[in-house]
Amino acid sequence: MAFSSKSSQGEGAMVYIIVTNNPLVSEQLSEDFDLTYREVSAIEILYQARDQIHSGYRLVNHPLSASKKVSQSPYKSIVLTPGKALDLKSLEVIEHSIETLRNYRAVSVNHNAHLEDYMFLDYEALKTGLKEIYQ
């Protein structure tokens, strides 16, 4: 991996954590990042991120994809960084994302036929975001 939060934690370096339910992300990035992997639903990952935000963390990436179809993915990976206080913008974004995901889930979607594709898309989106952070 071309970037690593664990290896770059010198004085003044930004620290990033990843909260995910994507086994591919866990497999590929757990040695390079402070990563929490849980076998839970995508909305549960958003709830965990919201809890972190209430504890002073702030969002680094948007919890939802630009594509509605991809946003319905059963996999979510969220990057957070410690802050000094409650970040109201992060809280607003995560609350809106939770509501949006609840609305998506109201429409029954069968993900089972495409689980590997959804894992890959979530992983690639996360990698793209991390590359932007570390450039």
Protein backbone atom coordinates (compact mmCIF):
# COMPACT_ATOMS: atom_id res chain seq x y z
CA MET A 1 0.00 0.00 0.00
CA ALA A 2 1.38 3.40 -0.94
CA PHE A 3 -0.03 5.08 2.18
CA SER A 4 -0.25 4.13 5.82
CA SER A 5 -1.69 5.91 8.79
CA LYS A 6 0.22 3.68 11.22
CA SER A 7 3.66 4.26 9.74
CA SER A 8 3.24 8.03 9.42
CA GLN A 9 2.20 8.83 12.97
CA GLY A 10 5.10 11.16 13.70
CA GLU A 11 4.77 14.44 15.53
CA GLY A 12 1.95 16.47 13.98
CA ALA A 13 0.92 13.72 11.52
CA MET A 14 -2.80 13.23 10.91
CA VAL A 15 -4.22 10.02 12.32
CA TYR A 16 -6.97 8.25 10.44
CA ILE A 17 -9.22 5.43 11.51
CA ILE A 18 -11.41 3.31 9.27
CA VAL A 19 -14.73 1.85 10.36
CA THR A 20 -15.96 -0.85 7.96
CA ASN A 21 -18.06 -3.93 7.47
CA ASN A 22 -16.20 -4.81 4.27
CA PRO A 23 -14.03 -7.93 4.70
CA LEU A 24 -11.91 -6.94 1.68
CA VAL A 25 -11.05 -3.59 3.28
CA SER A 26 -10.19 -5.34 6.54
CA GLU A 27 -8.00 -7.88 4.74
CA GLN A 28 -6.16 -5.28 2.64
CA LEU A 29 -5.78 -2.34 5.04
CA SER A 30 -5.81 -3.63 8.63
CA GLU A 31 -2.00 -3.63 8.90
CA ASP A 32 -1.70 -0.05 7.61
CA PHE A 33 -4.56 1.67 9.45
CA ASP A 34 -6.31 1.71 12.78
CA LEU A 35 -9.25 -0.25 11.43
CA THR A 36 -12.43 -1.45 13.11
CA TYR A 37 -14.10 -4.29 11.20
CA ARG A 38 -17.55 -5.46 12.23
CA GLU A 39 -19.88 -7.97 10.60
CA VAL A 40 -22.91 -5.69 10.73
CA SER A 41 -25.18 -3.89 8.28
CA ALA A 42 -24.12 -0.74 6.45
CA ILE A 43 -26.41 1.37 8.60
CA GLU A 44 -24.75 -0.03 11.74
CA ILE A 45 -21.42 1.22 10.37
CA LEU A 46 -22.98 4.68 10.02
CA TYR A 47 -24.23 4.48 13.62
CA GLN A 48 -20.73 3.54 14.80
CA ALA A 49 -19.26 6.47 12.86
CA ARG A 50 -21.88 8.76 14.42
CA ASP A 51 -20.83 7.55 17.87
CA GLN A 52 -17.21 8.35 17.01
CA ILE A 53 -18.26 11.83 15.83
CA HIS A 54 -20.03 12.40 19.16
CA SER A 55 -16.71 11.45 20.79
CA GLY A 56 -14.90 14.21 18.90
CA TYR A 57 -13.93 12.57 15.63
CA ARG A 58 -14.70 14.15 12.28
CA LEU A 59 -15.52 12.64 8.90
CA VAL A 60 -12.82 12.51 6.27
CA ASN A 61 -14.85 10.87 3.50
CA HIS A 62 -18.55 11.10 2.73
CA PRO A 63 -20.45 8.05 4.00
CA LEU A 64 -22.53 7.74 0.83
CA SER A 65 -21.44 7.26 -2.76
CA ALA A 66 -22.33 9.67 -5.52
CA SER A 67 -24.28 6.89 -7.21
CA LYS A 68 -27.61 5.95 -5.66
CA LYS A 69 -27.12 2.32 -6.71
CA VAL A 70 -23.67 2.12 -5.11
CA SER A 71 -24.97 3.88 -2.00
CA GLN A 72 -27.32 0.95 -1.57
CA SER A 73 -24.30 -1.32 -1.13
CA PRO A 74 -24.34 -3.55 1.94
CA TYR A 75 -20.70 -2.48 2.54
CA LYS A 76 -19.54 0.83 4.00
CA SER A 77 -16.08 2.06 4.89
CA ILE A 78 -15.78 5.39 6.66
CA VAL A 79 -12.59 7.30 7.42
CA LEU A 80 -12.46 9.49 10.52
CA THR A 81 -9.81 11.58 12.22
CA PRO A 82 -9.67 12.80 15.81
CA GLY A 83 -10.84 16.35 16.37
CA LYS A 84 -10.79 18.68 19.33
CA ALA A 85 -14.56 18.98 19.81
CA LEU A 86 -17.86 17.89 18.31
CA ASP A 87 -17.70 18.68 14.59
CA LEU A 88 -21.20 19.86 13.70
CA LYS A 89 -20.66 19.51 9.94
CA SER A 90 -19.62 15.86 10.37
CA LEU A 91 -22.62 15.26 12.60
CA GLU A 92 -24.95 16.84 10.04
CA VAL A 93 -23.49 14.75 7.20
CA ILE A 94 -23.67 11.46 9.12
CA GLU A 95 -27.24 12.11 10.31
CA HIS A 96 -28.34 12.94 6.76
CA SER A 97 -26.56 9.83 5.48
CA ILE A 98 -28.31 7.64 8.04
CA GLU A 99 -31.70 9.03 7.01
CA THR A 100 -30.87 8.57 3.33
CA LEU A 101 -29.76 4.98 3.89
CA ARG A 102 -32.93 4.26 5.87
CA ASN A 103 -34.95 5.48 2.88
CA TYR A 104 -32.92 3.32 0.49
CA ARG A 105 -33.45 0.31 2.73
CA ALA A 106 -37.20 0.86 2.63
CA VAL A 107 -37.00 -0.37 -0.95
CA SER A 108 -36.13 -4.06 -0.88
CA VAL A 109 -32.83 -4.69 -2.63
CA ASN A 110 -31.30 -8.13 -3.20
CA HIS A 111 -27.52 -7.76 -2.79
CA ASN A 112 -26.58 -11.42 -2.55
CA ALA A 113 -25.90 -11.87 -6.26
CA HIS A 114 -23.36 -9.03 -6.28
CA LEU A 115 -21.65 -9.10 -2.87
CA GLU A 116 -18.11 -9.39 -4.26
CA ASP A 117 -18.78 -6.52 -6.66
CA TYR A 118 -20.05 -4.32 -3.82
CA MET A 119 -16.99 -5.23 -1.70
CA PHE A 120 -14.68 -4.28 -4.56
CA LEU A 121 -16.46 -0.98 -5.30
CA ASP A 122 -16.37 0.07 -1.65
CA TYR A 123 -12.68 -0.87 -1.41
CA GLU A 124 -11.75 1.01 -4.59
CA ALA A 125 -13.67 4.12 -3.52
CA LEU A 126 -11.89 4.03 -0.16
CA LYS A 127 -8.47 3.59 -1.80
CA THR A 128 -9.15 6.55 -4.10
CA GLY A 129 -10.07 8.73 -1.13
CA LEU A 130 -7.01 7.63 0.83
CA LYS A 131 -4.72 8.39 -2.11
CA GLU A 132 -6.13 11.94 -2.19
CA ILE A 133 -5.46 12.33 1.54
CA TYR A 134 -1.85 11.19 1.25
CA GLN A 135 -0.88 13.22 -1.82
